[in-house]
Protein backbone atom coordinates (compact mmCIF):
# COMPACT_ATOMS: atom_id res chain seq x y z
CA MET A 1 -0.40 0.00 -0.05
CA SER A 2 1.33 3.65 -1.12
CA ASP A 3 2.07 6.26 1.58
CA LYS A 4 1.76 8.53 -0.78
CA LYS A 5 -0.63 11.53 -0.55
CA THR A 6 -1.33 14.74 -2.71
CA LEU A 7 -2.09 18.39 -2.14
CA PHE A 8 -1.72 21.56 -4.69
CA ILE A 9 0.93 24.05 -4.64
CA ASP A 10 -0.68 26.81 -7.24
CA ASN A 11 -3.57 24.46 -8.33
CA LEU A 12 -0.59 21.80 -9.16
CA GLU A 13 -1.69 18.35 -7.70
CA VAL A 14 1.74 17.70 -6.12
CA GLU A 15 2.57 14.21 -4.26
CA PHE A 16 4.57 13.91 -0.95
CA THR A 17 4.93 11.05 2.04
CA ASP A 18 7.06 11.60 4.53
CA GLU A 19 8.01 14.83 4.48
CA LYS A 20 7.62 17.04 7.86
CA THR A 21 6.48 20.35 6.48
CA VAL A 22 4.57 22.05 3.58
CA LEU A 23 8.16 23.62 2.82
CA GLU A 24 9.93 20.20 2.21
CA VAL A 25 6.96 19.35 0.07
CA ILE A 26 7.28 22.52 -1.71
CA ARG A 27 10.96 21.99 -2.29
CA ASN A 28 10.87 18.54 -3.40
CA ASN A 29 8.41 19.32 -6.04
CA GLY A 30 10.58 21.63 -7.82
CA PHE A 31 9.26 24.87 -6.30
CA ASN A 32 11.11 26.93 -3.76
CA VAL A 33 10.02 30.40 -1.49
CA PRO A 34 12.71 32.61 0.51
CA THR A 35 13.48 31.52 3.93
CA PHE A 36 16.33 33.12 6.28
CA CYS A 37 15.82 31.14 9.36
CA ASP A 38 15.00 27.57 7.94
CA ARG A 39 18.63 25.36 7.73
CA PRO A 40 18.34 21.48 7.05
CA ASP A 41 20.51 19.89 9.54
CA LEU A 42 18.60 22.58 12.32
CA THR A 43 15.45 22.43 13.96
CA GLN A 44 12.30 24.77 12.86
CA PHE A 45 12.28 27.77 14.14
CA GLY A 46 9.80 29.80 12.19
CA ALA A 47 11.19 33.17 13.37
CA CYS A 48 11.36 34.93 9.83
CA ARG A 49 8.36 34.15 8.42
CA MET A 50 9.88 34.69 4.77
CA CYS A 51 8.38 31.43 3.62
CA ILE A 52 5.02 32.33 4.24
CA VAL A 53 2.42 30.80 2.06
CA GLU A 54 -1.58 31.07 1.39
CA GLN A 55 -3.84 28.56 2.21
CA GLU A 56 -7.40 28.49 0.77
CA GLY A 57 -9.61 28.51 3.85
CA ARG A 58 -6.70 29.29 6.22
CA GLY A 59 -5.10 32.29 5.17
CA ILE A 60 -1.70 32.74 5.79
CA GLN A 61 0.76 30.42 7.10
CA ALA A 62 4.41 29.53 7.34
CA SER A 63 5.50 26.77 5.48
CA CYS A 64 8.57 25.67 7.36
CA THR A 65 6.31 25.16 10.35
CA MET A 66 3.22 23.93 8.40
CA LEU A 67 2.08 20.13 8.22
CA PRO A 68 1.68 18.63 5.24
CA ARG A 69 -1.71 17.67 4.81
CA ALA A 70 -3.65 15.46 1.91
CA GLY A 71 -5.83 18.09 -0.24
CA ILE A 72 -4.79 21.33 0.65
CA LYS A 73 -4.30 24.18 -1.32
CA ILE A 74 -1.14 26.67 -1.40
CA HIS A 75 -0.34 29.41 -3.08
CA LEU A 76 3.31 30.93 -3.18
CA ASN A 77 2.88 33.94 -4.94
CA SER A 78 -0.29 35.47 -4.50
CA ALA A 79 -0.66 39.41 -4.18
CA LYS A 80 -1.37 38.91 -0.42
CA VAL A 81 1.97 36.67 0.25
CA ARG A 82 4.13 39.17 -1.98
CA LYS A 83 3.08 42.19 -0.37
CA ILE A 84 3.55 40.50 3.22
CA ARG A 85 7.11 39.32 1.86
CA LYS A 86 8.67 42.48 0.83
CA THR A 87 6.98 44.22 3.67
CA ILE A 88 8.85 42.08 5.92
CA LEU A 89 11.99 43.02 3.81
CA GLU A 90 11.64 46.49 4.05
CA LEU A 91 11.48 46.00 7.86
CA LEU A 92 14.67 44.03 7.83
CA LEU A 93 16.53 46.43 6.04
CA ALA A 94 15.13 49.72 8.02
CA ASN A 95 17.09 48.13 11.00
CA HIS A 96 20.25 46.89 8.47
CA LYS A 97 23.34 48.84 8.36
CA ARG A 98 22.87 48.46 4.38
CA GLU A 99 26.88 48.72 3.18
CA CYS A 100 26.61 46.07 0.89
CA LEU A 101 29.56 47.11 -1.07
CA THR A 102 31.74 47.09 2.08
CA CYS A 103 30.05 43.94 3.79
CA GLU A 104 32.65 40.44 3.78
CA LYS A 105 29.29 39.03 2.65
CA SER A 106 28.64 40.78 -0.46
CA GLY A 107 27.22 38.69 -3.27
CA ASN A 108 26.57 35.98 -0.63
CA CYS A 109 24.19 37.64 1.39
CA GLU A 110 20.63 35.89 1.40
CA LEU A 111 19.17 39.33 2.42
CA GLN A 112 20.58 40.88 -0.67
CA LYS A 113 19.19 38.21 -2.60
CA TYR A 114 16.22 38.51 -1.74
CA ALA A 115 15.91 42.42 -1.93
CA ALA A 116 16.78 42.33 -5.66
CA GLU A 117 14.69 39.37 -6.27
CA TYR A 118 11.94 41.25 -4.63
CA GLY A 119 12.93 44.61 -6.24
CA ILE A 120 13.27 46.29 -3.26
CA THR A 121 14.43 49.54 -4.96
CA ASP A 122 13.21 51.97 -2.05
CA ILE A 123 12.24 51.64 1.79
CA ARG A 124 9.15 53.43 3.54
CA PHE A 125 10.12 53.03 6.98
CA PRO A 126 12.89 55.23 8.61
CA LYS A 127 16.44 54.09 8.59
CA LEU A 128 18.18 53.33 12.18
CA GLU A 129 20.39 55.82 13.21
CA GLU A 130 23.97 54.85 13.08
CA LYS A 131 24.64 56.05 16.76
CA ASN A 132 21.93 53.23 17.44
CA TYR A 133 23.84 50.53 16.13
CA LEU A 134 26.02 48.15 18.19
CA GLU A 135 29.65 48.06 17.98
CA THR A 136 31.33 45.46 15.86
CA ASP A 137 33.23 42.46 17.91
CA THR A 138 36.47 41.97 16.15
CA SER A 139 38.35 40.31 19.16
CA SER A 140 37.83 36.87 17.85
CA PRO A 141 40.70 35.55 15.83
CA SER A 142 38.67 33.84 13.72
CA LEU A 143 35.15 35.58 13.29
CA VAL A 144 33.94 39.18 13.46
CA ARG A 145 30.69 39.54 14.71
CA ASP A 146 28.53 42.98 13.37
CA PRO A 147 25.08 43.06 15.16
CA SER A 148 24.24 46.06 13.13
CA LYS A 149 23.79 43.08 10.49
CA CYS A 150 21.61 40.72 12.32
CA ILE A 151 18.13 39.83 10.99
CA LEU A 152 17.19 38.03 14.49
CA CYS A 153 16.80 34.77 12.47
CA GLY A 154 18.16 32.70 14.88
CA ALA A 155 19.93 30.27 13.11
CA CYS A 156 23.29 30.79 14.64
CA VAL A 157 22.16 30.65 18.10
CA ARG A 158 20.53 26.97 16.84
CA ALA A 159 24.06 26.05 15.27
CA CYS A 160 25.74 26.72 18.67
CA THR A 161 23.23 24.87 21.13
CA GLU A 162 22.10 22.08 18.20
CA PHE A 163 25.38 21.24 16.92
CA GLN A 164 28.32 22.14 20.08
CA GLY A 165 25.45 22.32 22.81
CA HIS A 166 27.40 25.30 23.87
CA SER A 167 25.17 27.97 23.90
CA VAL A 168 27.69 30.62 23.27
CA LEU A 169 24.81 32.75 21.69
CA GLY A 170 21.95 33.61 22.94
CA PHE A 171 18.74 35.94 22.42
CA VAL A 172 18.92 38.52 25.46
CA ASN A 173 15.79 41.56 25.87
CA ARG A 174 12.62 41.40 24.53
CA GLY A 175 10.53 43.23 21.79
CA SER A 176 12.22 45.48 19.50
CA ASN A 177 15.05 45.26 21.76
CA THR A 178 15.77 41.60 21.00
CA GLN A 179 19.70 40.89 20.31
CA VAL A 180 21.72 37.96 19.70
CA GLN A 181 25.04 38.10 21.62
CA PRO A 182 27.27 36.26 23.40
CA MET A 183 26.97 35.76 27.61
CA ASN A 184 26.37 38.90 29.30
CA GLY A 185 27.09 40.96 26.24
CA ARG A 186 30.49 40.17 26.56
CA LYS A 187 32.80 39.77 23.37
CA LEU A 188 33.63 36.54 21.59
CA SER A 189 36.70 36.10 22.90
CA GLU A 190 35.90 36.63 26.19
CA VAL A 191 33.55 33.95 26.22
CA ASP A 192 33.92 29.98 25.81
CA CYS A 193 33.65 30.17 21.94
CA VAL A 194 35.51 27.42 20.32
CA TYR A 195 35.80 29.07 17.11
CA CYS A 196 34.16 26.86 14.68
CA GLY A 197 32.59 29.13 12.62
CA GLN A 198 29.67 26.95 12.09
CA CYS A 199 27.40 30.11 13.57
CA GLN A 200 28.61 32.49 10.50
CA ALA A 201 28.32 29.11 7.76
CA VAL A 202 24.10 29.61 8.64
CA CYS A 203 24.19 33.71 9.14
CA PRO A 204 22.49 34.55 6.11
CA THR A 205 23.66 37.83 5.84
CA GLY A 206 26.93 39.60 7.27
CA ALA A 207 26.49 39.82 11.09
CA ILE A 208 28.86 36.77 11.79
CA SER A 209 31.27 36.69 8.80
CA ILE A 210 35.21 35.04 8.30
CA LYS A 211 38.00 37.36 9.88
CA SER A 212 39.90 37.80 6.67
CA ASP A 213 43.53 37.85 6.35
CA ILE A 214 43.41 38.38 2.72
CA GLU A 215 45.27 41.62 2.36
CA LYS A 216 47.86 40.43 4.89
CA VAL A 217 48.94 37.53 2.77
CA TRP A 218 48.81 39.58 -0.30
CA SER A 219 51.23 41.88 1.48
CA GLU A 220 53.81 38.85 2.30
CA ILE A 221 53.49 37.71 -1.58
CA ASN A 222 54.15 41.30 -3.12
CA ASN A 223 56.96 41.85 -0.44
CA PRO A 224 60.15 40.98 -2.32
CA GLU A 225 62.19 40.12 0.79
CA LYS A 226 59.71 37.52 1.76
CA LYS A 227 59.64 33.75 0.23
CA VAL A 228 55.83 32.72 0.82
CA VAL A 229 55.58 29.02 1.01
CA VAL A 230 51.30 27.45 1.06
CA GLN A 231 50.01 24.31 2.33
CA VAL A 232 46.45 23.21 1.16
CA ALA A 233 44.12 20.92 3.82
CA PRO A 234 42.57 17.44 2.68
CA SER A 235 38.78 18.62 1.87
CA VAL A 236 39.69 22.06 0.29
CA ARG A 237 39.90 20.24 -2.88
CA VAL A 238 36.89 18.66 -2.86
CA ALA A 239 35.16 22.01 -2.09
CA LEU A 240 37.09 25.02 -3.61
CA GLY A 241 35.42 24.18 -6.96
CA GLU A 242 31.84 25.19 -5.76
CA GLU A 243 32.89 28.63 -5.70
CA PHE A 244 33.88 28.11 -9.38
CA ASN A 245 30.23 26.50 -10.43
CA LEU A 246 32.12 23.28 -10.26
CA GLU A 247 30.24 20.08 -8.83
CA PRO A 248 30.49 19.60 -4.82
CA GLY A 249 32.72 16.64 -4.24
CA GLU A 250 34.92 17.23 -7.51
CA ASN A 251 38.80 16.82 -6.74
CA THR A 252 40.42 20.21 -8.05
CA ILE A 253 43.86 19.88 -6.36
CA GLY A 254 45.85 19.68 -9.42
CA LYS A 255 43.94 22.83 -10.03
CA ILE A 256 44.32 24.51 -6.52
CA TYR A 257 48.54 23.97 -6.97
CA SER A 258 48.46 25.79 -9.95
CA ALA A 259 46.32 28.62 -9.04
CA ALA A 260 48.79 28.85 -6.08
CA ARG A 261 52.00 29.20 -7.99
CA LYS A 262 49.60 31.99 -10.22
CA LEU A 263 48.98 33.90 -7.14
CA GLY A 264 52.54 33.97 -6.17
CA PHE A 265 53.40 31.07 -3.67
CA ASP A 266 56.86 30.40 -4.28
CA LEU A 267 56.19 26.64 -3.03
CA VAL A 268 52.97 24.52 -2.81
CA PHE A 269 52.82 22.00 -0.69
CA ASP A 270 49.85 19.41 0.63
CA THR A 271 48.71 19.04 4.01
CA ASN A 272 47.82 15.91 3.01
CA PHE A 273 51.57 14.81 3.74
CA SER A 274 51.61 16.14 7.10
CA ALA A 275 48.01 14.45 7.37
CA ASP A 276 50.21 10.73 6.91
CA LEU A 277 52.70 12.55 9.22
CA THR A 278 50.27 12.85 12.13
CA ILE A 279 49.03 9.17 11.49
CA THR A 280 52.23 7.66 12.20
CA GLU A 281 52.69 9.40 14.98
CA GLU A 282 49.31 9.44 16.54
CA ALA A 283 49.20 5.58 15.72
CA ALA A 284 52.73 4.93 17.42
CA GLU A 285 50.88 6.96 20.07
CA PHE A 286 47.70 5.14 20.59
CA VAL A 287 49.41 1.89 20.38
CA GLN A 288 51.54 2.75 23.24
CA ARG A 289 48.91 4.00 25.40
CA PHE A 290 46.94 0.78 24.63
CA MET A 291 49.95 -1.48 25.59
CA ASN A 292 50.21 0.21 28.89
CA LYS A 293 46.20 0.69 29.43
CA LYS A 294 47.32 4.43 30.22
CA ASN A 295 44.94 7.38 29.66
CA LEU A 296 42.40 5.69 27.34
CA PRO A 297 40.66 6.44 25.47
CA LEU A 298 42.74 8.39 22.95
CA PHE A 299 41.19 11.46 22.01
CA THR A 300 42.22 12.67 18.61
CA SER A 301 43.54 16.08 18.23
CA CYS A 302 43.14 17.09 14.75
CA CYS A 303 40.35 19.83 15.72
CA PRO A 304 41.15 22.62 17.29
CA ALA A 305 37.72 23.60 18.10
CA TRP A 306 37.23 20.02 20.22
CA VAL A 307 40.92 21.19 21.68
CA ARG A 308 39.58 23.95 23.15
CA TYR A 309 36.32 22.77 24.49
CA VAL A 310 38.48 19.65 26.30
CA GLU A 311 40.82 22.22 27.36
CA THR A 312 37.58 25.06 28.75
CA GLN A 313 35.21 22.58 29.71
CA HIS A 314 36.82 19.24 30.45
CA PRO A 315 40.51 19.80 31.67
CA GLU A 316 40.48 16.92 33.98
CA LEU A 317 40.65 15.22 30.75
CA ILE A 318 43.54 16.73 29.15
CA ASN A 319 45.50 13.72 29.31
CA HIS A 320 43.50 11.74 27.24
CA LEU A 321 44.15 14.25 24.32
CA SER A 322 46.81 13.06 21.78
CA SER A 323 49.86 15.32 22.40
CA CYS A 324 50.54 14.96 18.20
CA LYS A 325 49.95 18.56 16.73
CA SER A 326 47.70 18.82 13.89
CA PRO A 327 48.65 18.16 10.08
CA GLN A 328 48.76 21.89 10.26
CA GLY A 329 51.14 22.12 12.81
CA MET A 330 53.13 19.26 11.99
CA MET A 331 53.66 20.82 8.28
CA SER A 332 54.41 24.26 9.24
CA ALA A 333 56.84 22.38 12.17
CA VAL A 334 58.80 20.37 9.53
CA LEU A 335 58.42 23.55 7.04
CA ARG A 336 60.34 25.47 9.52
CA GLY A 337 62.87 23.00 10.86
CA PHE A 338 63.62 21.34 7.16
CA LEU A 339 63.10 23.72 4.68
CA GLY A 340 66.40 25.29 4.52
CA LYS A 341 67.99 21.49 4.19
CA TYR A 342 66.39 20.94 0.43
CA TYR A 343 65.68 24.63 -0.55
CA PRO A 344 69.05 26.30 1.10
CA GLU A 345 67.49 30.22 -0.04
CA TYR A 346 64.70 30.08 2.59
CA ASN A 347 65.70 30.68 6.22
CA LYS A 348 63.52 31.65 8.99
CA ASN A 349 63.61 35.32 8.55
CA ASN A 350 62.57 35.44 4.82
CA THR A 351 59.95 32.26 5.25
CA VAL A 352 56.14 33.14 5.65
CA ILE A 353 53.81 30.31 6.04
CA VAL A 354 50.47 30.57 5.03
CA SER A 355 47.82 27.86 5.22
CA VAL A 356 44.43 26.96 3.07
CA MET A 357 42.28 25.70 5.70
CA PRO A 358 38.68 24.59 5.59
CA CYS A 359 38.06 25.84 9.19
CA THR A 360 37.80 29.10 10.69
CA ALA A 361 39.26 27.48 14.39
CA LYS A 362 42.68 26.96 12.96
CA LYS A 363 43.17 30.56 12.32
CA TYR A 364 42.68 30.09 16.33
CA GLU A 365 45.06 27.50 16.47
CA ILE A 366 48.05 29.42 15.51
CA THR A 367 47.63 31.71 17.93
CA ARG A 368 48.40 28.96 20.57
CA GLU A 369 51.28 29.65 22.48
CA GLN A 370 52.62 26.23 22.29
CA MET A 371 51.99 26.84 18.22
CA ALA A 372 53.20 29.94 18.11
CA GLY A 373 55.73 31.02 15.19
CA GLU A 374 55.20 28.05 12.90
CA THR A 375 52.05 29.13 10.68
CA ASP A 376 51.83 32.75 10.12
CA TYR A 377 48.28 33.02 8.43
CA VAL A 378 45.62 30.88 7.80
CA LEU A 379 43.54 31.30 4.87
CA THR A 380 39.78 29.56 5.01
CA THR A 381 38.27 28.21 1.55
CA GLN A 382 36.23 31.13 1.19
CA GLU A 383 39.15 33.64 1.74
CA PHE A 384 41.46 31.46 -1.11
CA ALA A 385 38.97 31.58 -3.66
CA LYS A 386 38.21 35.28 -3.21
CA MET A 387 42.09 35.49 -3.75
CA ILE A 388 41.71 33.54 -6.76
CA LYS A 389 38.67 35.66 -8.49
CA ASN A 390 40.59 38.80 -7.39
CA ALA A 391 43.64 37.94 -9.23
CA GLY A 392 41.53 37.27 -12.60
CA ILE A 393 42.05 33.36 -12.59
CA GLU A 394 40.33 31.22 -14.51
CA PHE A 395 40.24 28.27 -12.39
CA LYS A 396 38.00 26.26 -14.66
CA GLN A 397 40.87 26.35 -17.33
CA LEU A 398 43.94 26.08 -15.35
CA LYS A 399 45.85 22.81 -15.76
CA ASP A 400 46.60 20.38 -13.52
CA GLU A 401 50.09 20.67 -11.71
CA LYS A 402 51.49 19.12 -8.83
CA ALA A 403 52.82 19.84 -5.50
CA ASP A 404 56.57 21.07 -4.65
CA SER A 405 58.60 18.22 -3.42
CA PRO A 406 59.72 16.51 -0.81
CA PHE A 407 56.53 17.40 1.27
CA GLY A 408 54.15 16.61 -1.35
CA LEU A 409 53.32 13.00 -1.80
CA TYR A 410 50.54 11.14 -0.01
CA SER A 411 48.54 8.45 0.68
CA GLY A 412 45.05 7.61 0.82
CA ALA A 413 45.20 7.84 4.60
CA GLY A 414 45.85 11.17 4.14
CA THR A 415 43.27 12.49 2.07
CA ILE A 416 40.46 11.08 4.16
CA PHE A 417 41.17 13.25 7.17
CA GLY A 418 38.77 15.81 5.76
CA ALA A 419 35.82 13.55 6.64
CA SER A 420 34.34 12.41 9.82
CA GLY A 421 35.62 8.84 11.01
CA GLY A 422 38.65 9.70 8.58
CA VAL A 423 41.25 10.27 11.05
CA ALA A 424 40.26 6.68 13.28
CA GLU A 425 40.18 4.86 10.38
CA ALA A 426 43.86 6.11 8.95
CA ALA A 427 45.12 5.36 11.96
CA ILE A 428 43.64 2.14 12.53
CA ARG A 429 45.55 1.17 9.07
CA THR A 430 48.69 2.34 10.64
CA ALA A 431 48.24 0.99 14.02
CA TYR A 432 47.54 -2.75 12.83
CA ASN A 433 50.76 -2.60 11.03
CA ILE A 434 52.85 -1.55 14.38
CA ILE A 435 51.01 -4.04 16.45
CA THR A 436 51.33 -7.05 14.15
CA GLY A 437 54.11 -6.07 11.56
CA GLU A 438 51.53 -7.02 8.95
CA GLU A 439 49.14 -5.20 6.28
CA LEU A 440 45.62 -4.47 6.90
CA SER A 441 44.14 -6.21 4.24
CA ASN A 442 40.51 -4.08 3.90
CA VAL A 443 41.87 -0.75 4.29
CA ASN A 444 37.88 0.47 3.87
CA ILE A 445 36.25 0.84 7.34
CA THR A 446 33.16 1.25 6.24
CA GLU A 447 31.47 1.45 9.72
CA LEU A 448 33.27 4.47 10.59
CA ARG A 449 32.37 6.45 7.39
CA GLY A 450 29.21 8.44 6.93
CA VAL A 451 28.58 12.27 7.51
CA GLY A 452 24.76 13.05 7.35
CA ALA A 453 22.82 13.83 10.30
CA ASN A 454 22.15 9.97 11.34
CA SER A 455 26.09 9.36 11.25
CA ARG A 456 27.32 11.69 14.09
CA THR A 457 28.25 9.02 16.29
CA LYS A 458 29.84 5.62 14.74
CA ASP A 459 31.21 2.60 16.75
CA THR A 460 33.13 -0.41 15.34
CA VAL A 461 35.49 -3.12 16.73
CA ILE A 462 38.57 -3.89 15.43
CA ASP A 463 40.06 -7.15 15.60
CA ILE A 464 43.81 -6.74 15.75
CA LYS A 465 44.77 -10.69 15.59
CA GLY A 466 42.46 -11.57 18.54
CA THR A 467 42.40 -8.13 20.59
CA LYS A 468 39.57 -6.54 20.09
CA VAL A 469 39.30 -2.52 20.09
CA LYS A 470 36.61 -0.58 20.28
CA VAL A 471 36.53 2.76 18.43
CA ARG A 472 33.81 5.76 18.54
CA VAL A 473 33.65 8.48 16.08
CA VAL A 474 31.88 11.68 16.79
CA SER A 475 30.71 15.12 14.85
CA THR A 476 29.87 18.25 16.77
CA LEU A 477 30.61 18.51 20.29
CA LYS A 478 27.38 17.92 21.42
CA GLU A 479 27.66 14.47 20.78
CA ALA A 480 31.28 14.40 22.18
CA GLU A 481 29.61 15.42 25.26
CA LYS A 482 27.66 12.19 25.76
CA SER A 483 31.08 10.11 25.10
CA ILE A 484 32.56 12.24 27.64
CA LYS A 485 29.48 11.45 29.99
CA GLU A 486 30.03 7.55 29.57
CA LEU A 487 33.65 8.21 30.72
CA LYS A 488 33.39 9.83 33.69
CA GLU A 489 30.48 7.53 34.66
CA GLY A 490 33.00 4.57 33.93
CA LYS A 491 30.93 3.45 30.99
CA ALA A 492 33.22 4.34 28.15
CA ASP A 493 34.54 0.65 26.18
CA PHE A 494 36.01 2.44 23.64
CA GLY A 495 40.29 2.88 23.23
CA MET A 496 40.19 5.69 20.47
CA LEU A 497 37.48 8.63 20.52
CA GLU A 498 37.73 10.92 17.22
CA VAL A 499 35.97 13.99 17.54
CA MET A 500 35.12 16.68 14.96
CA ALA A 501 33.61 19.99 16.08
CA CYS A 502 31.72 20.34 12.37
CA PRO A 503 28.64 18.18 11.70
CA GLY A 504 30.34 15.89 9.05
CA GLY A 505 33.81 16.98 9.52
CA CYS A 506 36.04 19.00 7.88
CA VAL A 507 34.28 18.55 4.81
CA ASN A 508 31.70 20.66 6.28
CA GLY A 509 34.21 23.31 7.93
CA GLY A 510 33.19 26.50 8.72
CA GLY A 511 35.50 28.42 6.38
CA GLN A 512 34.35 26.31 3.07
CA PRO A 513 32.07 27.14 0.86
CA VAL A 514 28.01 27.66 1.63
CA SER A 515 26.47 24.39 2.59
CA CYS A 516 23.92 25.37 4.85
CA LEU A 517 21.27 25.09 2.11
CA ASN A 518 21.54 21.73 1.16
CA SER A 519 22.45 19.19 3.69
CA LEU A 520 23.59 16.94 0.60
CA ILE A 521 26.57 18.73 -0.03
CA LYS A 522 29.13 17.57 2.70
CA ALA A 523 28.20 13.98 1.49
CA LYS A 524 29.12 15.07 -2.21
CA ARG A 525 32.66 15.79 -0.82
CA ALA A 526 33.07 13.20 1.40
CA ALA A 527 32.40 10.91 -1.39
CA GLY A 528 35.64 12.68 -3.31
CA LEU A 529 37.90 12.29 -0.95
CA TYR A 530 37.19 8.71 -0.47
CA LYS A 531 36.93 8.11 -4.30
CA GLU A 532 40.62 9.96 -4.23
CA ASP A 533 41.42 7.40 -1.41
CA GLU A 534 40.18 4.38 -3.80
CA ASP A 535 41.92 5.88 -6.92
CA LEU A 536 45.57 6.18 -5.04
CA PRO A 537 48.39 3.61 -5.19
CA LEU A 538 49.19 4.24 -1.37
CA ARG A 539 46.46 3.74 0.59
CA LYS A 540 48.26 3.71 4.23
CA SER A 541 50.39 6.30 5.87
CA HIS A 542 53.45 4.40 6.74
CA GLN A 543 53.60 3.51 3.13
CA ASN A 544 54.58 7.17 2.09
CA PRO A 545 57.94 7.09 1.09
CA ASP A 546 58.28 10.77 1.41
CA ILE A 547 57.31 10.13 5.01
CA LEU A 548 59.87 7.43 6.01
CA LYS A 549 62.84 9.36 4.16
CA LEU A 550 61.99 12.20 6.56
CA TYR A 551 62.30 9.84 9.65
CA THR A 552 65.58 8.75 8.36
CA GLU A 553 66.87 11.91 7.51
CA CYS A 554 65.65 14.32 10.40
CA LEU A 555 63.85 12.42 12.42
CA GLY A 556 65.60 10.05 14.39
CA GLY A 557 64.68 7.27 12.19
CA LYS A 558 61.46 5.55 13.73
CA PHE A 559 57.87 6.60 14.32
CA GLY A 560 57.50 7.94 18.26
CA SER A 561 61.20 8.63 18.10
CA GLU A 562 62.60 11.32 20.67
CA GLN A 563 63.22 13.95 18.13
CA ALA A 564 59.71 13.22 15.94
CA HIS A 565 58.22 14.15 19.73
CA HIS A 566 60.02 17.27 20.25
CA LEU A 567 59.26 18.86 16.90
CA LEU A 568 55.78 16.86 16.16
CA HIS A 569 53.58 16.80 19.53
CA THR A 570 52.38 19.61 21.97
CA GLU A 571 50.72 20.16 25.50
CA TYR A 572 47.62 21.37 26.54
CA THR A 573 46.54 24.29 29.06
CA ASN A 574 43.90 24.37 31.73
CA LYS A 575 41.80 27.13 30.79
CA PHE A 576 38.70 26.53 32.91
CA VAL A 577 39.75 29.06 35.54
CA ASN A 578 40.64 32.06 32.94
CA SER A 579 37.44 31.34 30.88
CA TYR A 580 34.96 31.87 33.79
CA LYS A 581 36.94 34.59 35.57
CA ASP A 582 34.87 37.90 36.61
CA ILE A 583 31.11 35.82 36.40
């Protein structure tokens, strides 16, 4: 028996099945209505009212909270609906700082887009005086918050709460005085923000944006006294193309190398190489802990938002964090330490290291006192795309190039770092070899894959010649908190815990091209990473010949050596007291 029912959209009979809202039915049948507050991975809120429709016999309804029922007749663009939508837009613009040409999100702003679509050329309502605009907060190393551009859609508040369980942002006051702000009206740098950037990823305007380092990087490139080196993170390759009308998940890494050189970067390296390096060190660390039954489960340490969360919320668990630096940190440490060995003209005084990352929290990571002086600047995927466009480079027409040596070769294990579960899967491939001296035959650990809303916690048990190891993977800090609770209650039965703060992992990082309007995009990006893993001749980090050469020539000859530990590992700080002072 079919579960299909029908309703009418603008007099056209359409089918629906298990859609939860009329808005879903509208979209699934080739129609659309504007909305600011609706985000597929967040709960329905119904704040902006832009998605209103007219239901025959019932009048105006918000489609994002309206239940679909058989036989109802709705109209998307009746005269009444269009009038109300235009009025909403005018009211929003009356309270909005309308400096669109200089706004960080100009061209990607949904308010700007809908104002143009609805022909808003004049606003009947008085504009808010400049003196009444709230101060812009630039204190964060990762994000800029401009309350004068906030339209109170609540998407950032829900993202912070529903993804991270953290509630750094919230609504204060009532009526026309309502605002979104951190606790007690503080700046982002004064609260326990983890800088993941998911708030800005769902923000439809310029109220929250990425703190840009573009001009600083241009200045370094144009300085003849400097040698500027760039590294590119795994998940950038399957997302950057979207900024140039390519399909999500299309691997453009060859074009990225080419674009970087055309921008003026002197050397181009791939962070996939240092992802392999991270795995050799982290797998060795895990094996040592597992054999000694000490400080288990091992927490992965690649995600700086997760590291900051542990330091500020659960400092008593710091000893569970892997001491390994992130791939970004390891690559910069290696470049600082050994680049001059292979390129004598590069030294500590003239070399500038830039990272292209999917993550806004990486901007924070390079300010950590333990990693200061290694990476000079972090560009998000969005910023890197802006530089390419600004330089007039036709990205689609670029010919593929290769990364520079000797830090350019990588395995498929390094590539899959960009998807939730990839770090754990890569670590298992190498840990198995360290423990048994043999190679894991089936490297596809599919139980740890998946980036959808229903795949935010994944468990599997690995059989290492009779020894069973349970591995858990979570994305979002809200899910991580559940595992922490198990650990504190003595119920944790997993030996390794991989955590990525962003839903789906780095493919959905806060610095990636906006994907919040389509929940399938991050799955396509992840599929692009797994495809590269399948296609590469090397799929295990410990088999990378450039990694082995680095150990032989510079790192004491073996994984986990004293030299490697000195260069590639870090320490963590209890930040709990400082984050709550004066409250």
